[in-house]
N, C-alpha and C. Protein backbone atom coordinates (compact mmCIF):
# COMPACT_ATOMS: atom_id res chain seq x y z
N MET A 1 -14.09 -2.64 -5.67
CA MET A 1 -14.66 -3.96 -5.89
C MET A 1 -13.56 -5.01 -5.82
N LYS A 2 -13.80 -6.09 -5.13
CA LYS A 2 -12.79 -7.13 -4.98
C LYS A 2 -12.64 -7.89 -6.28
N LEU A 3 -11.40 -8.06 -6.71
CA LEU A 3 -11.12 -8.81 -7.91
C LEU A 3 -11.18 -10.30 -7.60
N PRO A 4 -11.71 -11.11 -8.50
CA PRO A 4 -11.71 -12.55 -8.27
C PRO A 4 -10.30 -13.09 -8.32
N ILE A 5 -10.04 -14.12 -7.55
CA ILE A 5 -8.72 -14.73 -7.53
C ILE A 5 -8.39 -15.24 -8.93
N GLY A 6 -7.19 -14.90 -9.36
CA GLY A 6 -6.77 -15.32 -10.68
C GLY A 6 -7.06 -14.31 -11.77
N TYR A 7 -7.81 -13.25 -11.44
CA TYR A 7 -8.13 -12.23 -12.43
C TYR A 7 -6.85 -11.54 -12.86
N ASP A 8 -6.68 -11.35 -14.16
CA ASP A 8 -5.45 -10.80 -14.70
C ASP A 8 -5.70 -9.39 -15.19
N ARG A 9 -5.29 -8.39 -14.41
CA ARG A 9 -5.51 -7.01 -14.79
C ARG A 9 -4.55 -6.56 -15.89
N THR A 10 -3.54 -7.36 -16.19
CA THR A 10 -2.59 -6.96 -17.22
C THR A 10 -3.28 -6.88 -18.58
N SER A 11 -4.32 -7.70 -18.80
CA SER A 11 -5.03 -7.63 -20.07
C SER A 11 -5.77 -6.31 -20.21
N GLU A 12 -6.04 -5.67 -19.06
CA GLU A 12 -6.78 -4.42 -19.07
C GLU A 12 -5.87 -3.21 -19.21
N PHE A 13 -4.63 -3.33 -18.70
CA PHE A 13 -3.74 -2.18 -18.66
C PHE A 13 -2.43 -2.36 -19.41
N GLY A 14 -1.93 -3.60 -19.50
CA GLY A 14 -0.58 -3.82 -19.97
C GLY A 14 -0.27 -3.20 -21.31
N SER A 15 -1.14 -3.38 -22.31
CA SER A 15 -0.87 -2.88 -23.65
C SER A 15 -0.95 -1.36 -23.72
N GLN A 16 -1.49 -0.72 -22.70
CA GLN A 16 -1.66 0.73 -22.73
C GLN A 16 -0.46 1.46 -22.14
N LEU A 17 0.51 0.70 -21.57
CA LEU A 17 1.62 1.33 -20.87
C LEU A 17 2.96 0.87 -21.43
N PRO A 18 3.17 0.93 -22.74
CA PRO A 18 4.39 0.36 -23.31
C PRO A 18 5.66 1.11 -22.93
N ASP A 19 5.56 2.39 -22.56
CA ASP A 19 6.74 3.19 -22.28
C ASP A 19 7.09 3.24 -20.79
N GLN A 20 6.27 2.66 -19.95
CA GLN A 20 6.54 2.69 -18.52
C GLN A 20 7.51 1.58 -18.14
N ASP A 21 8.34 1.86 -17.12
CA ASP A 21 9.15 0.78 -16.59
C ASP A 21 8.25 -0.11 -15.73
N LEU A 22 8.76 -1.26 -15.38
CA LEU A 22 7.93 -2.25 -14.70
C LEU A 22 7.52 -1.80 -13.30
N LEU A 23 8.38 -1.08 -12.61
CA LEU A 23 8.03 -0.61 -11.26
C LEU A 23 6.82 0.31 -11.31
N LYS A 24 6.79 1.24 -12.25
CA LYS A 24 5.65 2.14 -12.38
C LYS A 24 4.39 1.37 -12.72
N ARG A 25 4.52 0.41 -13.60
CA ARG A 25 3.34 -0.39 -13.97
C ARG A 25 2.82 -1.18 -12.77
N LEU A 26 3.75 -1.78 -12.02
CA LEU A 26 3.33 -2.55 -10.85
C LEU A 26 2.57 -1.68 -9.86
N ARG A 27 3.10 -0.50 -9.58
CA ARG A 27 2.44 0.39 -8.63
C ARG A 27 1.06 0.79 -9.11
N ALA A 28 0.93 1.03 -10.40
CA ALA A 28 -0.37 1.44 -10.94
C ALA A 28 -1.39 0.31 -10.90
N GLU A 29 -0.96 -0.89 -11.31
CA GLU A 29 -1.91 -1.98 -11.48
C GLU A 29 -2.24 -2.71 -10.18
N THR A 30 -1.39 -2.59 -9.18
CA THR A 30 -1.65 -3.29 -7.92
C THR A 30 -2.18 -2.35 -6.84
N HIS A 31 -2.33 -1.08 -7.16
CA HIS A 31 -2.75 -0.11 -6.14
C HIS A 31 -4.10 -0.49 -5.53
N ALA A 32 -5.08 -0.80 -6.36
CA ALA A 32 -6.43 -1.07 -5.87
C ALA A 32 -6.47 -2.30 -4.97
N VAL A 33 -5.84 -3.39 -5.39
CA VAL A 33 -5.88 -4.61 -4.61
C VAL A 33 -5.08 -4.46 -3.32
N HIS A 34 -4.03 -3.64 -3.36
CA HIS A 34 -3.25 -3.36 -2.15
C HIS A 34 -4.06 -2.52 -1.16
N GLU A 35 -4.73 -1.50 -1.67
CA GLU A 35 -5.56 -0.65 -0.82
C GLU A 35 -6.69 -1.46 -0.18
N GLU A 36 -7.26 -2.37 -0.93
CA GLU A 36 -8.35 -3.19 -0.38
C GLU A 36 -7.83 -4.09 0.74
N LEU A 37 -6.63 -4.62 0.57
CA LEU A 37 -6.06 -5.46 1.62
C LEU A 37 -5.81 -4.65 2.88
N ASP A 38 -5.27 -3.46 2.72
CA ASP A 38 -5.06 -2.58 3.88
C ASP A 38 -6.38 -2.31 4.60
N HIS A 39 -7.44 -2.12 3.82
CA HIS A 39 -8.76 -1.85 4.41
C HIS A 39 -9.25 -3.06 5.22
N LEU A 40 -8.98 -4.27 4.73
CA LEU A 40 -9.42 -5.47 5.44
C LEU A 40 -8.78 -5.57 6.83
N PHE A 41 -7.57 -5.04 6.95
CA PHE A 41 -6.87 -5.12 8.24
C PHE A 41 -7.02 -3.85 9.07
N THR A 42 -7.94 -2.97 8.68
CA THR A 42 -8.19 -1.76 9.46
C THR A 42 -8.59 -2.06 10.90
N PRO A 43 -9.43 -3.08 11.17
CA PRO A 43 -9.76 -3.37 12.57
C PRO A 43 -8.52 -3.64 13.43
N PHE A 44 -7.52 -4.30 12.86
CA PHE A 44 -6.29 -4.55 13.61
C PHE A 44 -5.55 -3.25 13.89
N GLN A 45 -5.53 -2.34 12.93
CA GLN A 45 -4.86 -1.07 13.14
C GLN A 45 -5.58 -0.22 14.19
N ASP A 46 -6.92 -0.30 14.20
CA ASP A 46 -7.70 0.50 15.15
C ASP A 46 -7.69 -0.07 16.56
N ALA A 47 -7.72 -1.40 16.66
CA ALA A 47 -7.75 -2.06 17.97
C ALA A 47 -6.84 -3.28 17.93
N PRO A 48 -5.53 -3.07 17.92
CA PRO A 48 -4.60 -4.18 17.71
C PRO A 48 -4.67 -5.27 18.77
N LEU A 49 -4.98 -4.93 20.00
CA LEU A 49 -5.05 -5.95 21.04
C LEU A 49 -6.18 -6.94 20.77
N ASP A 50 -7.30 -6.45 20.26
CA ASP A 50 -8.45 -7.30 20.00
C ASP A 50 -8.27 -8.21 18.78
N HIS A 51 -7.40 -7.83 17.87
CA HIS A 51 -7.28 -8.55 16.60
C HIS A 51 -5.87 -9.07 16.34
N LEU A 52 -5.04 -9.07 17.37
CA LEU A 52 -3.65 -9.48 17.18
C LEU A 52 -3.54 -10.92 16.72
N GLY A 53 -4.27 -11.81 17.36
CA GLY A 53 -4.19 -13.22 17.01
C GLY A 53 -4.60 -13.50 15.59
N SER A 54 -5.72 -12.92 15.17
CA SER A 54 -6.18 -13.16 13.80
C SER A 54 -5.23 -12.55 12.79
N PHE A 55 -4.62 -11.41 13.13
CA PHE A 55 -3.67 -10.79 12.21
C PHE A 55 -2.44 -11.68 12.04
N LEU A 56 -1.88 -12.17 13.14
CA LEU A 56 -0.70 -13.02 13.06
C LEU A 56 -0.99 -14.31 12.31
N ALA A 57 -2.15 -14.90 12.57
CA ALA A 57 -2.51 -16.14 11.87
C ALA A 57 -2.67 -15.90 10.38
N ALA A 58 -3.26 -14.76 10.02
CA ALA A 58 -3.43 -14.43 8.60
C ALA A 58 -2.09 -14.22 7.91
N GLN A 59 -1.16 -13.55 8.61
CA GLN A 59 0.17 -13.34 8.02
C GLN A 59 0.91 -14.66 7.87
N MET A 60 0.78 -15.53 8.85
CA MET A 60 1.43 -16.84 8.76
C MET A 60 0.86 -17.64 7.60
N ALA A 61 -0.46 -17.63 7.47
CA ALA A 61 -1.11 -18.38 6.39
C ALA A 61 -0.72 -17.80 5.03
N GLY A 62 -0.75 -16.48 4.91
CA GLY A 62 -0.46 -15.84 3.64
C GLY A 62 0.98 -16.01 3.21
N LEU A 63 1.91 -15.79 4.13
CA LEU A 63 3.33 -15.90 3.78
C LEU A 63 3.74 -17.36 3.53
N THR A 64 3.14 -18.29 4.25
CA THR A 64 3.43 -19.71 3.99
C THR A 64 2.96 -20.09 2.59
N ALA A 65 1.75 -19.65 2.25
CA ALA A 65 1.23 -19.93 0.91
C ALA A 65 2.06 -19.26 -0.16
N LEU A 66 2.50 -18.05 0.12
CA LEU A 66 3.32 -17.33 -0.84
C LEU A 66 4.64 -18.06 -1.08
N SER A 67 5.22 -18.58 -0.02
CA SER A 67 6.50 -19.27 -0.17
C SER A 67 6.36 -20.57 -0.96
N THR A 68 5.23 -21.25 -0.79
CA THR A 68 5.04 -22.52 -1.51
C THR A 68 4.55 -22.29 -2.94
N ALA A 69 3.93 -21.14 -3.19
CA ALA A 69 3.44 -20.84 -4.54
C ALA A 69 4.53 -20.25 -5.42
N ALA A 70 5.63 -19.84 -4.80
CA ALA A 70 6.68 -19.16 -5.54
C ALA A 70 7.43 -20.10 -6.47
N ARG A 71 7.75 -19.59 -7.62
CA ARG A 71 8.60 -20.29 -8.56
C ARG A 71 10.05 -20.12 -8.12
N VAL A 72 10.84 -21.15 -8.17
CA VAL A 72 12.26 -21.03 -7.82
C VAL A 72 13.03 -20.62 -9.08
N PRO A 73 14.19 -19.99 -8.95
CA PRO A 73 14.86 -19.72 -7.67
C PRO A 73 14.47 -18.38 -7.07
N HIS A 74 14.44 -18.32 -5.75
CA HIS A 74 14.30 -17.04 -5.06
C HIS A 74 15.65 -16.32 -5.11
N ASP A 75 15.61 -15.01 -4.96
CA ASP A 75 16.87 -14.32 -4.76
C ASP A 75 17.24 -14.40 -3.27
N GLU A 76 18.50 -14.19 -2.97
CA GLU A 76 18.98 -14.40 -1.60
C GLU A 76 18.32 -13.47 -0.59
N ASN A 77 18.13 -12.20 -0.97
CA ASN A 77 17.50 -11.26 -0.04
C ASN A 77 16.10 -11.70 0.36
N THR A 78 15.34 -12.16 -0.62
CA THR A 78 13.98 -12.61 -0.34
C THR A 78 13.98 -13.85 0.54
N LEU A 79 14.87 -14.78 0.25
CA LEU A 79 14.96 -16.00 1.04
C LEU A 79 15.25 -15.69 2.51
N ILE A 80 16.19 -14.79 2.74
CA ILE A 80 16.56 -14.46 4.11
C ILE A 80 15.39 -13.82 4.84
N LEU A 81 14.78 -12.81 4.22
CA LEU A 81 13.65 -12.13 4.87
C LEU A 81 12.48 -13.06 5.10
N LEU A 82 12.15 -13.87 4.10
CA LEU A 82 11.00 -14.77 4.23
C LEU A 82 11.25 -15.83 5.28
N SER A 83 12.45 -16.40 5.30
CA SER A 83 12.78 -17.43 6.28
C SER A 83 12.73 -16.88 7.69
N GLU A 84 13.33 -15.71 7.91
CA GLU A 84 13.32 -15.10 9.24
C GLU A 84 11.90 -14.76 9.68
N THR A 85 11.12 -14.21 8.75
CA THR A 85 9.76 -13.80 9.08
C THR A 85 8.89 -15.00 9.44
N LEU A 86 8.98 -16.07 8.65
CA LEU A 86 8.17 -17.26 8.93
C LEU A 86 8.60 -17.91 10.25
N ASP A 87 9.89 -17.90 10.54
CA ASP A 87 10.36 -18.47 11.81
C ASP A 87 9.79 -17.69 12.99
N ARG A 88 9.79 -16.37 12.90
CA ARG A 88 9.26 -15.55 13.99
C ARG A 88 7.76 -15.70 14.12
N LEU A 89 7.09 -15.78 12.98
CA LEU A 89 5.63 -15.98 13.02
C LEU A 89 5.28 -17.33 13.64
N GLU A 90 6.05 -18.34 13.31
CA GLU A 90 5.79 -19.66 13.89
C GLU A 90 5.91 -19.62 15.41
N GLN A 91 6.92 -18.92 15.91
CA GLN A 91 7.08 -18.79 17.36
C GLN A 91 5.92 -18.01 17.98
N ASP A 92 5.48 -16.94 17.31
CA ASP A 92 4.36 -16.16 17.81
C ASP A 92 3.08 -16.99 17.85
N CYS A 93 2.85 -17.76 16.80
CA CYS A 93 1.62 -18.57 16.74
C CYS A 93 1.62 -19.64 17.83
N ARG A 94 2.78 -20.18 18.14
CA ARG A 94 2.87 -21.14 19.25
C ARG A 94 2.61 -20.45 20.58
N TYR A 95 3.19 -19.28 20.75
CA TYR A 95 3.04 -18.54 22.01
C TYR A 95 1.59 -18.22 22.29
N TYR A 96 0.86 -17.77 21.26
CA TYR A 96 -0.54 -17.39 21.45
C TYR A 96 -1.51 -18.55 21.17
N GLU A 97 -0.95 -19.73 20.87
CA GLU A 97 -1.75 -20.94 20.62
C GLU A 97 -2.78 -20.67 19.52
N LEU A 98 -2.31 -20.20 18.40
CA LEU A 98 -3.19 -19.84 17.29
C LEU A 98 -3.34 -20.99 16.29
N SER A 99 -4.52 -21.11 15.77
CA SER A 99 -4.77 -22.04 14.67
C SER A 99 -4.57 -21.29 13.36
N VAL A 100 -3.76 -21.85 12.49
CA VAL A 100 -3.44 -21.18 11.22
C VAL A 100 -4.02 -21.98 10.06
N PRO A 101 -4.87 -21.37 9.25
CA PRO A 101 -5.44 -22.10 8.11
C PRO A 101 -4.39 -22.38 7.06
N VAL A 102 -4.60 -23.45 6.31
CA VAL A 102 -3.70 -23.80 5.21
C VAL A 102 -4.36 -23.37 3.90
N LEU A 103 -3.69 -22.52 3.15
CA LEU A 103 -4.22 -22.02 1.89
C LEU A 103 -3.62 -22.81 0.74
N ARG A 104 -4.44 -23.02 -0.26
CA ARG A 104 -3.98 -23.72 -1.46
C ARG A 104 -3.92 -22.73 -2.61
N HIS A 105 -2.87 -22.82 -3.39
CA HIS A 105 -2.74 -21.94 -4.54
C HIS A 105 -2.00 -22.69 -5.64
N LYS A 106 -2.62 -22.80 -6.79
CA LYS A 106 -2.05 -23.61 -7.86
C LYS A 106 -1.06 -22.85 -8.73
N ARG A 107 -1.18 -21.55 -8.77
CA ARG A 107 -0.36 -20.77 -9.69
C ARG A 107 1.08 -20.66 -9.19
N ASP A 108 2.03 -20.83 -10.09
CA ASP A 108 3.43 -20.57 -9.77
C ASP A 108 3.69 -19.07 -9.92
N LEU A 109 4.17 -18.46 -8.86
CA LEU A 109 4.37 -17.01 -8.87
C LEU A 109 5.82 -16.67 -9.25
N HIS A 110 5.96 -15.63 -10.04
CA HIS A 110 7.29 -15.19 -10.48
C HIS A 110 8.12 -14.78 -9.26
N PRO A 111 9.39 -15.17 -9.20
CA PRO A 111 10.21 -14.84 -8.02
C PRO A 111 10.35 -13.34 -7.76
N LEU A 112 10.34 -12.51 -8.80
CA LEU A 112 10.41 -11.07 -8.57
C LEU A 112 9.12 -10.54 -7.94
N ALA A 113 8.01 -11.17 -8.27
CA ALA A 113 6.74 -10.79 -7.66
C ALA A 113 6.74 -11.16 -6.18
N VAL A 114 7.28 -12.32 -5.86
CA VAL A 114 7.37 -12.75 -4.47
C VAL A 114 8.27 -11.79 -3.70
N ALA A 115 9.39 -11.41 -4.31
CA ALA A 115 10.29 -10.45 -3.67
C ALA A 115 9.58 -9.12 -3.41
N TYR A 116 8.81 -8.66 -4.36
CA TYR A 116 8.07 -7.40 -4.24
C TYR A 116 7.10 -7.45 -3.07
N LEU A 117 6.43 -8.58 -2.91
CA LEU A 117 5.46 -8.74 -1.83
C LEU A 117 6.13 -8.93 -0.47
N VAL A 118 7.16 -9.75 -0.44
CA VAL A 118 7.81 -10.06 0.84
C VAL A 118 8.54 -8.84 1.39
N ILE A 119 9.38 -8.22 0.55
CA ILE A 119 10.16 -7.08 1.04
C ILE A 119 9.24 -5.90 1.32
N GLY A 120 8.25 -5.69 0.45
CA GLY A 120 7.30 -4.61 0.67
C GLY A 120 6.51 -4.77 1.96
N SER A 121 6.22 -6.01 2.31
CA SER A 121 5.44 -6.24 3.53
C SER A 121 6.21 -5.83 4.77
N ARG A 122 7.54 -5.94 4.72
CA ARG A 122 8.33 -5.57 5.88
C ARG A 122 8.29 -4.06 6.12
N MET A 123 8.14 -3.29 5.06
CA MET A 123 8.00 -1.84 5.19
C MET A 123 6.72 -1.51 5.96
N GLY A 124 5.63 -2.19 5.59
CA GLY A 124 4.37 -1.97 6.27
C GLY A 124 4.38 -2.44 7.71
N THR A 125 5.14 -3.49 7.97
CA THR A 125 5.22 -4.04 9.32
C THR A 125 5.85 -3.05 10.29
N GLU A 126 6.80 -2.27 9.81
CA GLU A 126 7.43 -1.26 10.67
C GLU A 126 6.41 -0.23 11.13
N VAL A 127 5.51 0.17 10.24
CA VAL A 127 4.46 1.12 10.61
C VAL A 127 3.53 0.49 11.65
N LEU A 128 3.19 -0.77 11.45
CA LEU A 128 2.31 -1.46 12.39
C LEU A 128 2.97 -1.64 13.76
N ARG A 129 4.28 -1.87 13.77
CA ARG A 129 5.00 -2.02 15.05
C ARG A 129 4.89 -0.74 15.88
N ARG A 130 5.03 0.40 15.23
CA ARG A 130 4.91 1.67 15.95
C ARG A 130 3.50 1.86 16.47
N ASN A 131 2.52 1.33 15.74
CA ASN A 131 1.13 1.43 16.19
C ASN A 131 0.90 0.56 17.43
N LEU A 132 1.53 -0.60 17.49
CA LEU A 132 1.41 -1.46 18.68
C LEU A 132 1.98 -0.76 19.91
N ILE A 133 3.14 -0.12 19.72
CA ILE A 133 3.75 0.61 20.83
C ILE A 133 2.84 1.75 21.28
N LYS A 134 2.26 2.44 20.33
CA LYS A 134 1.36 3.55 20.63
C LYS A 134 0.17 3.09 21.46
N HIS A 135 -0.32 1.86 21.18
CA HIS A 135 -1.48 1.33 21.90
C HIS A 135 -1.08 0.66 23.22
N GLY A 136 0.19 0.69 23.56
CA GLY A 136 0.62 0.20 24.87
C GLY A 136 0.68 -1.30 25.01
N ILE A 137 0.82 -2.03 23.92
CA ILE A 137 0.93 -3.49 24.02
C ILE A 137 2.31 -3.83 24.59
N GLU A 138 2.34 -4.55 25.69
CA GLU A 138 3.59 -4.79 26.41
C GLU A 138 4.51 -5.75 25.68
N ARG A 139 3.96 -6.87 25.22
CA ARG A 139 4.80 -7.83 24.50
C ARG A 139 4.58 -7.66 23.00
N ILE A 140 5.55 -7.10 22.32
CA ILE A 140 5.46 -6.95 20.87
C ILE A 140 5.84 -8.29 20.25
N PRO A 141 4.96 -8.89 19.47
CA PRO A 141 5.28 -10.19 18.86
C PRO A 141 6.56 -10.14 18.03
N LEU A 142 7.22 -11.28 17.93
CA LEU A 142 8.48 -11.37 17.20
C LEU A 142 8.33 -10.99 15.74
N TYR A 143 7.14 -11.20 15.19
CA TYR A 143 6.89 -10.86 13.79
C TYR A 143 7.23 -9.40 13.49
N PHE A 144 7.08 -8.54 14.48
CA PHE A 144 7.29 -7.11 14.29
C PHE A 144 8.73 -6.67 14.57
N THR A 145 9.61 -7.63 14.84
CA THR A 145 11.02 -7.28 15.04
C THR A 145 11.57 -6.63 13.78
N PRO A 146 12.20 -5.47 13.90
CA PRO A 146 12.74 -4.79 12.70
C PRO A 146 13.74 -5.68 11.95
N GLN A 147 13.68 -5.61 10.63
CA GLN A 147 14.61 -6.33 9.78
C GLN A 147 15.29 -5.35 8.83
N ASP A 148 16.46 -5.74 8.35
CA ASP A 148 17.21 -4.89 7.43
C ASP A 148 16.71 -5.16 6.01
N TYR A 149 15.69 -4.42 5.61
CA TYR A 149 15.09 -4.64 4.29
C TYR A 149 15.41 -3.51 3.30
N LYS A 150 15.95 -2.40 3.77
CA LYS A 150 16.04 -1.21 2.93
C LYS A 150 16.92 -1.40 1.70
N HIS A 151 18.08 -2.01 1.88
CA HIS A 151 18.96 -2.22 0.73
C HIS A 151 18.33 -3.21 -0.25
N ALA A 152 17.68 -4.23 0.28
CA ALA A 152 17.02 -5.21 -0.59
C ALA A 152 15.90 -4.55 -1.40
N TRP A 153 15.16 -3.64 -0.75
CA TRP A 153 14.09 -2.94 -1.44
C TRP A 153 14.65 -2.00 -2.51
N GLN A 154 15.72 -1.31 -2.20
CA GLN A 154 16.34 -0.42 -3.18
C GLN A 154 16.87 -1.19 -4.37
N ASP A 155 17.48 -2.34 -4.12
CA ASP A 155 18.00 -3.16 -5.21
C ASP A 155 16.86 -3.69 -6.09
N LEU A 156 15.77 -4.12 -5.45
CA LEU A 156 14.64 -4.63 -6.21
C LEU A 156 14.00 -3.54 -7.05
N CYS A 157 13.81 -2.36 -6.47
CA CYS A 157 13.21 -1.25 -7.22
C CYS A 157 14.08 -0.87 -8.41
N ALA A 158 15.40 -0.85 -8.21
CA ALA A 158 16.30 -0.52 -9.31
C ALA A 158 16.20 -1.56 -10.43
N ARG A 159 16.07 -2.82 -10.04
CA ARG A 159 15.95 -3.87 -11.05
C ARG A 159 14.64 -3.74 -11.83
N LEU A 160 13.55 -3.48 -11.12
CA LEU A 160 12.25 -3.34 -11.78
C LEU A 160 12.20 -2.09 -12.66
N GLN A 161 12.88 -1.03 -12.23
CA GLN A 161 12.93 0.18 -13.04
C GLN A 161 13.71 -0.04 -14.33
N GLY A 162 14.62 -0.99 -14.30
CA GLY A 162 15.41 -1.29 -15.49
C GLY A 162 14.74 -2.26 -16.44
N MET A 163 13.53 -2.74 -16.08
CA MET A 163 12.81 -3.69 -16.91
C MET A 163 11.67 -3.00 -17.64
N ALA A 164 11.38 -3.48 -18.84
CA ALA A 164 10.28 -2.92 -19.63
C ALA A 164 8.96 -3.22 -18.96
N GLY A 165 8.03 -2.25 -19.04
CA GLY A 165 6.72 -2.43 -18.43
C GLY A 165 5.76 -3.22 -19.29
N ALA A 166 6.16 -3.55 -20.51
CA ALA A 166 5.30 -4.33 -21.41
C ALA A 166 6.04 -5.59 -21.83
N GLY A 167 5.28 -6.62 -22.18
CA GLY A 167 5.88 -7.88 -22.62
C GLY A 167 5.47 -9.04 -21.74
N PRO A 168 5.76 -10.26 -22.16
CA PRO A 168 5.33 -11.46 -21.43
C PRO A 168 5.83 -11.52 -20.00
N GLU A 169 7.10 -11.19 -19.75
CA GLU A 169 7.61 -11.27 -18.38
C GLU A 169 6.97 -10.22 -17.49
N ALA A 170 6.80 -9.01 -18.02
CA ALA A 170 6.14 -7.95 -17.24
C ALA A 170 4.71 -8.36 -16.92
N ASP A 171 4.01 -8.95 -17.89
CA ASP A 171 2.64 -9.42 -17.65
C ASP A 171 2.62 -10.48 -16.55
N ASP A 172 3.59 -11.39 -16.62
CA ASP A 172 3.68 -12.48 -15.65
C ASP A 172 3.92 -11.93 -14.24
N ILE A 173 4.84 -10.98 -14.11
CA ILE A 173 5.17 -10.42 -12.80
C ILE A 173 3.98 -9.67 -12.22
N CYS A 174 3.31 -8.86 -13.05
CA CYS A 174 2.14 -8.11 -12.56
C CYS A 174 1.03 -9.05 -12.11
N ALA A 175 0.75 -10.06 -12.92
CA ALA A 175 -0.30 -11.02 -12.56
C ALA A 175 0.07 -11.78 -11.30
N SER A 176 1.36 -12.10 -11.13
CA SER A 176 1.81 -12.82 -9.95
C SER A 176 1.67 -11.99 -8.69
N VAL A 177 1.98 -10.68 -8.78
CA VAL A 177 1.83 -9.82 -7.61
C VAL A 177 0.36 -9.73 -7.20
N ILE A 178 -0.52 -9.55 -8.17
CA ILE A 178 -1.95 -9.47 -7.87
C ILE A 178 -2.44 -10.78 -7.25
N ALA A 179 -2.00 -11.91 -7.81
CA ALA A 179 -2.38 -13.21 -7.25
C ALA A 179 -1.84 -13.35 -5.83
N GLY A 180 -0.64 -12.84 -5.58
CA GLY A 180 -0.07 -12.89 -4.23
C GLY A 180 -0.87 -12.08 -3.24
N PHE A 181 -1.31 -10.90 -3.65
CA PHE A 181 -2.16 -10.10 -2.77
C PHE A 181 -3.45 -10.86 -2.44
N HIS A 182 -3.98 -11.59 -3.41
CA HIS A 182 -5.21 -12.32 -3.17
C HIS A 182 -5.01 -13.48 -2.20
N LEU A 183 -3.79 -13.99 -2.11
CA LEU A 183 -3.52 -14.99 -1.08
C LEU A 183 -3.77 -14.41 0.31
N PHE A 184 -3.38 -13.16 0.51
CA PHE A 184 -3.58 -12.51 1.80
C PHE A 184 -5.04 -12.12 2.01
N HIS A 185 -5.75 -11.81 0.93
CA HIS A 185 -7.20 -11.60 1.03
C HIS A 185 -7.85 -12.88 1.56
N ASP A 186 -7.45 -14.01 0.99
CA ASP A 186 -8.01 -15.30 1.39
C ASP A 186 -7.62 -15.61 2.84
N ALA A 187 -6.38 -15.32 3.20
CA ALA A 187 -5.93 -15.57 4.57
C ALA A 187 -6.73 -14.75 5.57
N GLU A 188 -6.98 -13.48 5.25
CA GLU A 188 -7.77 -12.64 6.15
C GLU A 188 -9.18 -13.18 6.30
N ALA A 189 -9.79 -13.61 5.20
CA ALA A 189 -11.15 -14.13 5.26
C ALA A 189 -11.22 -15.40 6.10
N ARG A 190 -10.18 -16.23 6.02
CA ARG A 190 -10.19 -17.50 6.75
C ARG A 190 -9.97 -17.31 8.25
N THR A 191 -9.41 -16.20 8.65
CA THR A 191 -9.11 -15.97 10.07
C THR A 191 -9.99 -14.87 10.68
N ARG A 192 -10.96 -14.40 9.93
CA ARG A 192 -11.75 -13.23 10.34
C ARG A 192 -12.51 -13.47 11.65
N ASP A 193 -12.92 -14.69 11.93
CA ASP A 193 -13.74 -14.97 13.10
C ASP A 193 -12.93 -15.11 14.39
N MET A 194 -11.62 -15.07 14.28
CA MET A 194 -10.80 -15.19 15.49
C MET A 194 -10.80 -13.88 16.25
N THR A 195 -10.90 -13.93 17.57
CA THR A 195 -10.90 -12.70 18.36
C THR A 195 -9.49 -12.14 18.53
N GLY A 196 -8.51 -13.03 18.66
CA GLY A 196 -7.14 -12.58 18.80
C GLY A 196 -6.79 -12.02 20.17
N LYS A 197 -7.70 -12.08 21.14
CA LYS A 197 -7.39 -11.50 22.46
C LYS A 197 -6.48 -12.43 23.25
N TYR A 198 -5.64 -11.82 24.04
CA TYR A 198 -4.83 -12.58 24.96
C TYR A 198 -4.64 -11.77 26.22
N SER A 199 -4.31 -12.45 27.32
CA SER A 199 -4.20 -11.76 28.60
C SER A 199 -2.75 -11.39 28.88
């Protein structure tokens, strides 16, 4: 079942997991909303040529909203990845002449939550890039260019593992990650009618 935007699952789980580190709590509490987002993009995975435009527009809309909803300061690794990714997406959207919706989000998202979403997304993008090659797409969009995210992801995971899974900051980070995933739910819904085909 889709969670409403702004729904805080930490009130449902947070007090029950006092001994878990924050990384374990994040994985447990965001699993459902992450799985649902993956399901929404299944058509792109099954027929990437038909849905490439809508996928790129949704990623541009979601990541732009994520960057503007983020609370400062960002960490350097996140800034580099996010800046490079948005620059490549902007070039792709110009190349395919895509219309990108503008999403509004009032909540300030915790910078560690933004890092979790941004760096984690690059891991998924690598899998999608291999799928594009498998389907024989000749021009791989710049968005799928490999980036050096592994050390940043390892550093982030180590930091989250060193943080308590209970408490106000943990609640804030979990709620921010869930809210961030919902930005991409909204982005997918706003671009769903685009065919994404190109010659």
